[in-house]
Amino acid sequence: RHSAPERHRYRKRPQSRSPPRSEKKRRRSSSPRNRKVEDYRHELTRFLDEQAAVNKPEDFWKFHAKYQALQALKKTSETDRNKALNVNFIENATLLYDKLPVLDRNGERMRISFEDFKDFLLSIRVYQDFQQKTNFSKLKKLKLAQNDLP
């Protein structure tokens, strides 16, 4: 038999997955600022499914990235897209904002400004409009193909 000290000599302690304390302090001591919607992609995917009826979140996030890049180029889009798209998200923006998760997956408080959230809702609306137009064009092509059959 081995004595107690010899038996434990070869056993390794499990390492913590959390960052070292110095990193934790640095991260928490930084001033609380609002983060962009993209920083909470994981947490917002569930929101997309439950509150916005987006069935393919990966497609939405690709669309969102392209849409944000396009908006950054334009920066002069003063037209009211809410009227053009005819969807009532902004009226319920406060209610939807309250349904966001409070904590991110690291247990820290989510910090998305209301304006960034409204922009996020607008991109959801544009994405849904795009999906609907795509589906209608596919349906139109199918109907034309059916009419061409003998």
N, C-alpha and C. Protein backbone atom coordinates (compact mmCIF):
# COMPACT_ATOMS: atom_id res chain seq x y z
N ARG A 1 0.82 -1.20 0.00
CA ARG A 1 0.00 0.00 0.00
C ARG A 1 0.85 1.24 0.00
N HIS A 2 0.33 2.26 -0.70
CA HIS A 2 1.03 3.54 -0.72
C HIS A 2 0.52 4.41 0.41
N SER A 3 1.41 5.21 0.90
CA SER A 3 0.96 6.16 1.92
C SER A 3 0.16 7.27 1.22
N ALA A 4 -0.60 7.98 1.99
CA ALA A 4 -1.50 9.00 1.44
C ALA A 4 -0.77 10.04 0.58
N PRO A 5 0.39 10.56 1.01
CA PRO A 5 1.05 11.56 0.17
C PRO A 5 1.50 11.00 -1.18
N GLU A 6 1.99 9.73 -1.21
CA GLU A 6 2.44 9.14 -2.46
C GLU A 6 1.28 8.90 -3.41
N ARG A 7 0.15 8.49 -2.90
CA ARG A 7 -1.00 8.16 -3.73
C ARG A 7 -1.51 9.40 -4.47
N HIS A 8 -1.46 10.54 -3.85
CA HIS A 8 -2.00 11.75 -4.46
C HIS A 8 -0.96 12.54 -5.25
N ARG A 9 0.26 12.06 -5.20
CA ARG A 9 1.32 12.80 -5.86
C ARG A 9 1.10 12.88 -7.37
N TYR A 10 0.55 11.86 -7.99
CA TYR A 10 0.41 11.83 -9.43
C TYR A 10 -0.95 12.33 -9.91
N ARG A 11 -1.82 12.59 -9.01
CA ARG A 11 -3.15 13.05 -9.38
C ARG A 11 -3.11 14.56 -9.64
N LYS A 12 -3.63 14.96 -10.80
CA LYS A 12 -3.64 16.38 -11.12
C LYS A 12 -4.95 17.00 -10.66
N ARG A 13 -4.85 18.22 -10.26
CA ARG A 13 -6.07 18.96 -9.91
C ARG A 13 -6.73 19.42 -11.20
N PRO A 14 -8.03 19.34 -11.25
CA PRO A 14 -8.70 19.85 -12.46
C PRO A 14 -8.50 21.36 -12.56
N GLN A 15 -8.23 21.81 -13.76
CA GLN A 15 -8.02 23.23 -13.96
C GLN A 15 -9.34 23.94 -14.16
N SER A 16 -9.43 25.11 -13.65
CA SER A 16 -10.63 25.92 -13.80
C SER A 16 -10.71 26.45 -15.22
N ARG A 17 -11.91 26.49 -15.77
CA ARG A 17 -12.10 27.03 -17.11
C ARG A 17 -12.28 28.54 -17.08
N SER A 18 -12.48 29.07 -15.91
CA SER A 18 -12.67 30.52 -15.82
C SER A 18 -11.32 31.21 -15.97
N PRO A 19 -11.34 32.46 -16.48
CA PRO A 19 -10.07 33.17 -16.65
C PRO A 19 -9.43 33.47 -15.30
N PRO A 20 -8.12 33.70 -15.29
CA PRO A 20 -7.45 34.04 -14.03
C PRO A 20 -8.08 35.27 -13.39
N ARG A 21 -7.91 35.38 -12.08
CA ARG A 21 -8.55 36.47 -11.34
C ARG A 21 -8.17 37.84 -11.87
N SER A 22 -6.94 37.99 -12.29
CA SER A 22 -6.51 39.30 -12.79
C SER A 22 -7.34 39.71 -14.01
N GLU A 23 -7.67 38.74 -14.89
CA GLU A 23 -8.49 39.04 -16.05
C GLU A 23 -9.92 39.36 -15.64
N LYS A 24 -10.44 38.63 -14.66
CA LYS A 24 -11.80 38.89 -14.19
C LYS A 24 -11.93 40.32 -13.67
N LYS A 25 -10.95 40.73 -12.85
CA LYS A 25 -11.00 42.07 -12.29
C LYS A 25 -10.95 43.12 -13.39
N ARG A 26 -10.09 42.91 -14.36
CA ARG A 26 -9.94 43.87 -15.43
C ARG A 26 -11.23 44.00 -16.22
N ARG A 27 -11.87 42.88 -16.50
CA ARG A 27 -13.08 42.90 -17.30
C ARG A 27 -14.22 43.55 -16.55
N ARG A 28 -14.36 43.26 -15.28
CA ARG A 28 -15.47 43.80 -14.51
C ARG A 28 -15.26 45.26 -14.13
N SER A 29 -14.01 45.66 -13.99
CA SER A 29 -13.77 47.03 -13.58
C SER A 29 -13.90 48.01 -14.74
N SER A 30 -13.95 47.49 -15.97
CA SER A 30 -14.12 48.39 -17.10
C SER A 30 -15.50 49.03 -17.02
N SER A 31 -15.59 50.22 -17.55
CA SER A 31 -16.85 50.95 -17.43
C SER A 31 -17.96 50.21 -18.16
N PRO A 32 -19.14 50.15 -17.56
CA PRO A 32 -20.24 49.46 -18.22
C PRO A 32 -20.68 50.27 -19.43
N ARG A 33 -20.49 49.69 -20.60
CA ARG A 33 -20.91 50.37 -21.82
C ARG A 33 -21.86 49.44 -22.56
N ASN A 34 -22.63 50.03 -23.41
CA ASN A 34 -23.53 49.23 -24.22
C ASN A 34 -22.72 48.49 -25.27
N ARG A 35 -23.10 47.25 -25.49
CA ARG A 35 -22.43 46.45 -26.48
C ARG A 35 -23.34 46.31 -27.69
N LYS A 36 -22.78 45.91 -28.78
CA LYS A 36 -23.55 45.75 -30.01
C LYS A 36 -24.35 44.46 -29.95
N VAL A 37 -25.37 44.41 -30.75
CA VAL A 37 -26.26 43.25 -30.80
C VAL A 37 -25.47 42.01 -31.18
N GLU A 38 -24.51 42.15 -32.08
CA GLU A 38 -23.74 40.99 -32.54
C GLU A 38 -22.96 40.33 -31.41
N ASP A 39 -22.64 41.09 -30.36
CA ASP A 39 -21.92 40.53 -29.22
C ASP A 39 -22.77 39.52 -28.46
N TYR A 40 -24.07 39.59 -28.64
CA TYR A 40 -25.00 38.69 -27.93
C TYR A 40 -25.70 37.75 -28.91
N ARG A 41 -24.99 37.36 -29.93
CA ARG A 41 -25.58 36.49 -30.96
C ARG A 41 -26.18 35.22 -30.37
N HIS A 42 -25.45 34.58 -29.49
CA HIS A 42 -25.91 33.33 -28.88
C HIS A 42 -27.21 33.54 -28.11
N GLU A 43 -27.25 34.58 -27.30
CA GLU A 43 -28.43 34.84 -26.47
C GLU A 43 -29.63 35.27 -27.31
N LEU A 44 -29.38 36.01 -28.39
CA LEU A 44 -30.48 36.53 -29.20
C LEU A 44 -31.04 35.51 -30.18
N THR A 45 -30.33 34.42 -30.42
CA THR A 45 -30.85 33.40 -31.32
C THR A 45 -32.15 32.82 -30.79
N ARG A 46 -32.21 32.60 -29.50
CA ARG A 46 -33.45 32.11 -28.88
C ARG A 46 -34.56 33.16 -29.00
N PHE A 47 -34.21 34.42 -28.81
CA PHE A 47 -35.17 35.52 -28.96
C PHE A 47 -35.73 35.53 -30.38
N LEU A 48 -34.86 35.32 -31.37
CA LEU A 48 -35.31 35.29 -32.77
C LEU A 48 -36.33 34.19 -32.99
N ASP A 49 -36.08 33.04 -32.40
CA ASP A 49 -36.98 31.91 -32.57
C ASP A 49 -38.31 32.14 -31.86
N GLU A 50 -38.26 32.59 -30.62
CA GLU A 50 -39.48 32.70 -29.82
C GLU A 50 -40.29 33.97 -30.08
N GLN A 51 -39.64 35.09 -30.31
CA GLN A 51 -40.35 36.36 -30.41
C GLN A 51 -40.51 36.87 -31.83
N ALA A 52 -39.62 36.49 -32.74
CA ALA A 52 -39.65 37.04 -34.09
C ALA A 52 -39.97 35.99 -35.15
N ALA A 53 -40.15 34.75 -34.75
CA ALA A 53 -40.51 33.66 -35.67
C ALA A 53 -39.51 33.53 -36.82
N VAL A 54 -38.23 33.64 -36.51
CA VAL A 54 -37.18 33.43 -37.50
C VAL A 54 -36.76 31.97 -37.39
N ASN A 55 -37.04 31.21 -38.46
CA ASN A 55 -36.81 29.77 -38.42
C ASN A 55 -35.35 29.38 -38.64
N LYS A 56 -34.63 30.19 -39.39
CA LYS A 56 -33.23 29.87 -39.70
C LYS A 56 -32.33 30.99 -39.17
N PRO A 57 -31.96 30.90 -37.90
CA PRO A 57 -31.17 31.98 -37.31
C PRO A 57 -29.81 32.20 -37.99
N GLU A 58 -29.17 31.15 -38.47
CA GLU A 58 -27.87 31.32 -39.13
C GLU A 58 -28.02 32.16 -40.39
N ASP A 59 -29.10 31.92 -41.16
CA ASP A 59 -29.35 32.73 -42.34
C ASP A 59 -29.61 34.18 -41.95
N PHE A 60 -30.35 34.36 -40.85
CA PHE A 60 -30.62 35.73 -40.40
C PHE A 60 -29.34 36.45 -40.03
N TRP A 61 -28.43 35.78 -39.29
CA TRP A 61 -27.21 36.46 -38.86
C TRP A 61 -26.33 36.83 -40.04
N LYS A 62 -26.31 35.98 -41.09
CA LYS A 62 -25.58 36.34 -42.31
C LYS A 62 -26.21 37.57 -42.95
N PHE A 63 -27.54 37.54 -43.04
CA PHE A 63 -28.27 38.67 -43.61
C PHE A 63 -28.02 39.93 -42.78
N HIS A 64 -28.06 39.79 -41.47
CA HIS A 64 -27.87 40.93 -40.57
C HIS A 64 -26.50 41.57 -40.77
N ALA A 65 -25.47 40.75 -40.91
CA ALA A 65 -24.12 41.27 -41.12
C ALA A 65 -24.05 42.06 -42.43
N LYS A 66 -24.65 41.51 -43.49
CA LYS A 66 -24.65 42.21 -44.77
C LYS A 66 -25.48 43.48 -44.70
N TYR A 67 -26.60 43.41 -44.01
CA TYR A 67 -27.48 44.57 -43.88
C TYR A 67 -26.79 45.68 -43.10
N GLN A 68 -26.09 45.33 -42.02
CA GLN A 68 -25.38 46.33 -41.23
C GLN A 68 -24.26 46.98 -42.05
N ALA A 69 -23.58 46.18 -42.87
CA ALA A 69 -22.52 46.72 -43.72
C ALA A 69 -23.11 47.70 -44.74
N LEU A 70 -24.25 47.34 -45.30
CA LEU A 70 -24.92 48.22 -46.26
C LEU A 70 -25.39 49.50 -45.59
N GLN A 71 -25.93 49.39 -44.38
CA GLN A 71 -26.38 50.57 -43.64
C GLN A 71 -25.21 51.48 -43.29
N ALA A 72 -24.07 50.90 -43.00
CA ALA A 72 -22.89 51.70 -42.68
C ALA A 72 -22.44 52.49 -43.90
N LEU A 73 -22.61 51.91 -45.09
CA LEU A 73 -22.25 52.62 -46.31
C LEU A 73 -23.24 53.74 -46.61
N LYS A 74 -24.50 53.47 -46.40
CA LYS A 74 -25.54 54.47 -46.72
C LYS A 74 -25.50 55.62 -45.73
N LYS A 75 -25.75 55.35 -44.48
CA LYS A 75 -25.76 56.32 -43.38
C LYS A 75 -26.70 57.50 -43.61
N THR A 76 -27.37 57.55 -44.75
CA THR A 76 -28.29 58.65 -45.03
C THR A 76 -29.71 58.15 -45.19
N SER A 77 -29.98 56.99 -44.67
CA SER A 77 -31.30 56.39 -44.82
C SER A 77 -32.27 57.05 -43.84
N GLU A 78 -32.87 58.13 -44.26
CA GLU A 78 -33.79 58.86 -43.40
C GLU A 78 -35.24 58.45 -43.64
N THR A 79 -35.49 57.62 -44.64
CA THR A 79 -36.87 57.21 -44.91
C THR A 79 -37.35 56.27 -43.82
N ASP A 80 -38.63 56.30 -43.57
CA ASP A 80 -39.20 55.46 -42.53
C ASP A 80 -39.50 54.08 -43.11
N ARG A 81 -38.63 53.13 -42.81
CA ARG A 81 -38.81 51.78 -43.34
C ARG A 81 -39.99 51.06 -42.69
N ASN A 82 -40.41 51.50 -41.52
CA ASN A 82 -41.55 50.87 -40.86
C ASN A 82 -42.80 50.97 -41.72
N LYS A 83 -43.02 52.13 -42.31
CA LYS A 83 -44.20 52.31 -43.16
C LYS A 83 -44.05 51.51 -44.44
N ALA A 84 -42.84 51.49 -45.00
CA ALA A 84 -42.61 50.77 -46.25
C ALA A 84 -42.78 49.27 -46.08
N LEU A 85 -42.40 48.74 -44.94
CA LEU A 85 -42.46 47.30 -44.72
C LEU A 85 -43.77 46.85 -44.10
N ASN A 86 -44.52 47.78 -43.53
CA ASN A 86 -45.84 47.49 -42.98
C ASN A 86 -45.82 46.37 -41.94
N VAL A 87 -44.92 46.47 -41.00
CA VAL A 87 -44.85 45.51 -39.90
C VAL A 87 -44.84 46.29 -38.60
N ASN A 88 -45.52 45.79 -37.59
CA ASN A 88 -45.69 46.54 -36.34
C ASN A 88 -44.71 46.09 -35.26
N PHE A 89 -43.42 46.17 -35.50
CA PHE A 89 -42.47 45.80 -34.47
C PHE A 89 -42.17 46.96 -33.54
N ILE A 90 -41.97 48.12 -34.09
CA ILE A 90 -41.50 49.24 -33.29
C ILE A 90 -42.53 49.63 -32.23
N GLU A 91 -43.81 49.48 -32.55
CA GLU A 91 -44.84 49.79 -31.55
C GLU A 91 -44.68 48.89 -30.34
N ASN A 92 -44.23 47.68 -30.56
CA ASN A 92 -44.05 46.72 -29.48
C ASN A 92 -42.58 46.62 -29.04
N ALA A 93 -41.76 47.56 -29.46
CA ALA A 93 -40.33 47.48 -29.18
C ALA A 93 -40.05 47.44 -27.68
N THR A 94 -40.78 48.21 -26.91
CA THR A 94 -40.55 48.23 -25.47
C THR A 94 -40.90 46.88 -24.85
N LEU A 95 -42.01 46.30 -25.30
CA LEU A 95 -42.40 44.98 -24.80
C LEU A 95 -41.36 43.93 -25.19
N LEU A 96 -40.90 43.98 -26.42
CA LEU A 96 -39.90 43.01 -26.87
C LEU A 96 -38.56 43.24 -26.17
N TYR A 97 -38.22 44.48 -25.92
CA TYR A 97 -36.97 44.80 -25.22
C TYR A 97 -37.00 44.20 -23.81
N ASP A 98 -38.17 44.21 -23.19
CA ASP A 98 -38.31 43.61 -21.86
C ASP A 98 -38.19 42.09 -21.88
N LYS A 99 -38.38 41.48 -23.05
CA LYS A 99 -38.29 40.02 -23.16
C LYS A 99 -36.88 39.53 -23.47
N LEU A 100 -35.96 40.46 -23.62
CA LEU A 100 -34.57 40.05 -23.84
C LEU A 100 -34.04 39.36 -22.59
N PRO A 101 -33.12 38.41 -22.76
CA PRO A 101 -32.51 37.80 -21.57
C PRO A 101 -31.77 38.87 -20.77
N VAL A 102 -31.78 38.72 -19.47
CA VAL A 102 -31.12 39.70 -18.59
C VAL A 102 -29.62 39.45 -18.55
N LEU A 103 -29.23 38.18 -18.52
CA LEU A 103 -27.82 37.82 -18.41
C LEU A 103 -27.34 37.13 -19.67
N ASP A 104 -26.08 37.31 -20.00
CA ASP A 104 -25.51 36.58 -21.12
C ASP A 104 -25.04 35.21 -20.64
N ARG A 105 -24.45 34.45 -21.52
CA ARG A 105 -24.06 33.08 -21.14
C ARG A 105 -22.91 33.04 -20.15
N ASN A 106 -22.24 34.17 -19.94
CA ASN A 106 -21.17 34.25 -18.94
C ASN A 106 -21.68 34.73 -17.60
N GLY A 107 -22.98 34.95 -17.50
CA GLY A 107 -23.56 35.41 -16.25
C GLY A 107 -23.46 36.90 -16.03
N GLU A 108 -23.01 37.62 -17.04
CA GLU A 108 -22.90 39.07 -16.93
C GLU A 108 -24.15 39.72 -17.52
N ARG A 109 -24.44 40.91 -17.05
CA ARG A 109 -25.64 41.62 -17.49
C ARG A 109 -25.50 42.02 -18.96
N MET A 110 -26.55 41.75 -19.75
CA MET A 110 -26.55 42.16 -21.15
C MET A 110 -26.74 43.67 -21.23
N ARG A 111 -25.96 44.29 -22.07
CA ARG A 111 -26.02 45.75 -22.21
C ARG A 111 -26.21 46.10 -23.68
N ILE A 112 -27.45 46.11 -24.12
CA ILE A 112 -27.80 46.53 -25.47
C ILE A 112 -28.64 47.79 -25.33
N SER A 113 -28.24 48.84 -25.99
CA SER A 113 -29.02 50.08 -25.89
C SER A 113 -30.35 49.88 -26.62
N PHE A 114 -31.33 50.66 -26.22
CA PHE A 114 -32.66 50.56 -26.83
C PHE A 114 -32.59 50.93 -28.31
N GLU A 115 -31.76 51.90 -28.66
CA GLU A 115 -31.62 52.30 -30.07
C GLU A 115 -31.01 51.16 -30.89
N ASP A 116 -29.99 50.50 -30.36
CA ASP A 116 -29.40 49.36 -31.06
C ASP A 116 -30.42 48.24 -31.20
N PHE A 117 -31.24 48.06 -30.17
CA PHE A 117 -32.27 47.03 -30.22
C PHE A 117 -33.31 47.37 -31.29
N LYS A 118 -33.68 48.63 -31.41
CA LYS A 118 -34.63 49.03 -32.45
C LYS A 118 -34.04 48.80 -33.84
N ASP A 119 -32.74 49.06 -34.00
CA ASP A 119 -32.08 48.77 -35.27
C ASP A 119 -32.08 47.27 -35.55
N PHE A 120 -31.89 46.48 -34.50
CA PHE A 120 -31.94 45.02 -34.62
C PHE A 120 -33.33 44.58 -35.07
N LEU A 121 -34.37 45.15 -34.48
CA LEU A 121 -35.74 44.82 -34.89
C LEU A 121 -35.98 45.21 -36.35
N LEU A 122 -35.43 46.33 -36.76
CA LEU A 122 -35.58 46.75 -38.15
C LEU A 122 -34.92 45.74 -39.09
N SER A 123 -33.74 45.25 -38.72
CA SER A 123 -33.08 44.25 -39.57
C SER A 123 -33.87 42.94 -39.59
N ILE A 124 -34.53 42.59 -38.48
CA ILE A 124 -35.41 41.41 -38.48
C ILE A 124 -36.54 41.64 -39.46
N ARG A 125 -37.11 42.82 -39.42
CA ARG A 125 -38.23 43.15 -40.30
C ARG A 125 -37.82 43.09 -41.77
N VAL A 126 -36.67 43.66 -42.10
CA VAL A 126 -36.17 43.65 -43.47
C VAL A 126 -35.89 42.21 -43.90
N TYR A 127 -35.32 41.41 -43.00
CA TYR A 127 -35.05 40.00 -43.30
C TYR A 127 -36.34 39.25 -43.59
N GLN A 128 -37.36 39.45 -42.76
CA GLN A 128 -38.62 38.76 -42.97
C GLN A 128 -39.28 39.20 -44.27
N ASP A 129 -39.18 40.48 -44.59
CA ASP A 129 -39.71 40.98 -45.86
C ASP A 129 -38.98 40.34 -47.03
N PHE A 130 -37.66 40.26 -46.92
CA PHE A 130 -36.85 39.62 -47.96
C PHE A 130 -37.24 38.15 -48.12
N GLN A 131 -37.41 37.44 -47.00
CA GLN A 131 -37.80 36.03 -47.06
C GLN A 131 -39.16 35.87 -47.73
N GLN A 132 -40.10 36.75 -47.39
CA GLN A 132 -41.44 36.67 -47.97
C GLN A 132 -41.39 36.93 -49.48
N LYS A 133 -40.63 37.91 -49.91
CA LYS A 133 -40.51 38.20 -51.34
C LYS A 133 -39.85 37.03 -52.07
N THR A 134 -38.85 36.43 -51.45
CA THR A 134 -38.19 35.27 -52.05
C THR A 134 -39.17 34.12 -52.21
N ASN A 135 -39.96 33.86 -51.17
CA ASN A 135 -40.94 32.77 -51.24
C ASN A 135 -42.00 33.06 -52.29
N PHE A 136 -42.44 34.31 -52.39
CA PHE A 136 -43.44 34.66 -53.41
C PHE A 136 -42.88 34.49 -54.81
N SER A 137 -41.62 34.85 -55.02
CA SER A 137 -41.03 34.69 -56.35
C SER A 137 -40.89 33.20 -56.70
N LYS A 138 -40.56 32.37 -55.72
CA LYS A 138 -40.50 30.93 -55.97
C LYS A 138 -41.87 30.38 -56.32
N LEU A 139 -42.88 30.85 -55.60
CA LEU A 139 -44.25 30.41 -55.86
C LEU A 139 -44.71 30.87 -57.24
N LYS A 140 -44.34 32.09 -57.62
CA LYS A 140 -44.71 32.61 -58.93
C LYS A 140 -44.07 31.78 -60.04
N LYS A 141 -42.80 31.43 -59.89
CA LYS A 141 -42.11 30.59 -60.87
C LYS A 141 -42.77 29.23 -60.97
N LEU A 142 -43.17 28.67 -59.82
CA LEU A 142 -43.83 27.38 -59.81
C LEU A 142 -45.16 27.44 -60.54
N LYS A 143 -45.94 28.49 -60.31
CA LYS A 143 -47.24 28.66 -60.98
C LYS A 143 -47.05 28.81 -62.48
N LEU A 144 -46.04 29.58 -62.90
CA LEU A 144 -45.77 29.74 -64.33
C LEU A 144 -45.36 28.41 -64.95
N ALA A 145 -44.56 27.64 -64.25
CA ALA A 145 -44.14 26.32 -64.75
C ALA A 145 -45.33 25.38 -64.84
N GLN A 146 -46.26 25.46 -63.89
CA GLN A 146 -47.46 24.63 -63.94
C GLN A 146 -48.35 25.03 -65.10
N ASN A 147 -48.45 26.32 -65.39
CA ASN A 147 -49.28 26.79 -66.50
C ASN A 147 -48.69 26.37 -67.85
N ASP A 148 -47.38 26.21 -67.92
CA ASP A 148 -46.73 25.81 -69.17
C ASP A 148 -46.85 24.31 -69.43
N LEU A 149 -47.28 23.55 -68.44
CA LEU A 149 -47.44 22.10 -68.63
C LEU A 149 -48.63 21.84 -69.56
N PRO A 150 -48.56 20.74 -70.36
CA PRO A 150 -49.69 20.44 -71.26
C PRO A 150 -50.92 19.97 -70.52
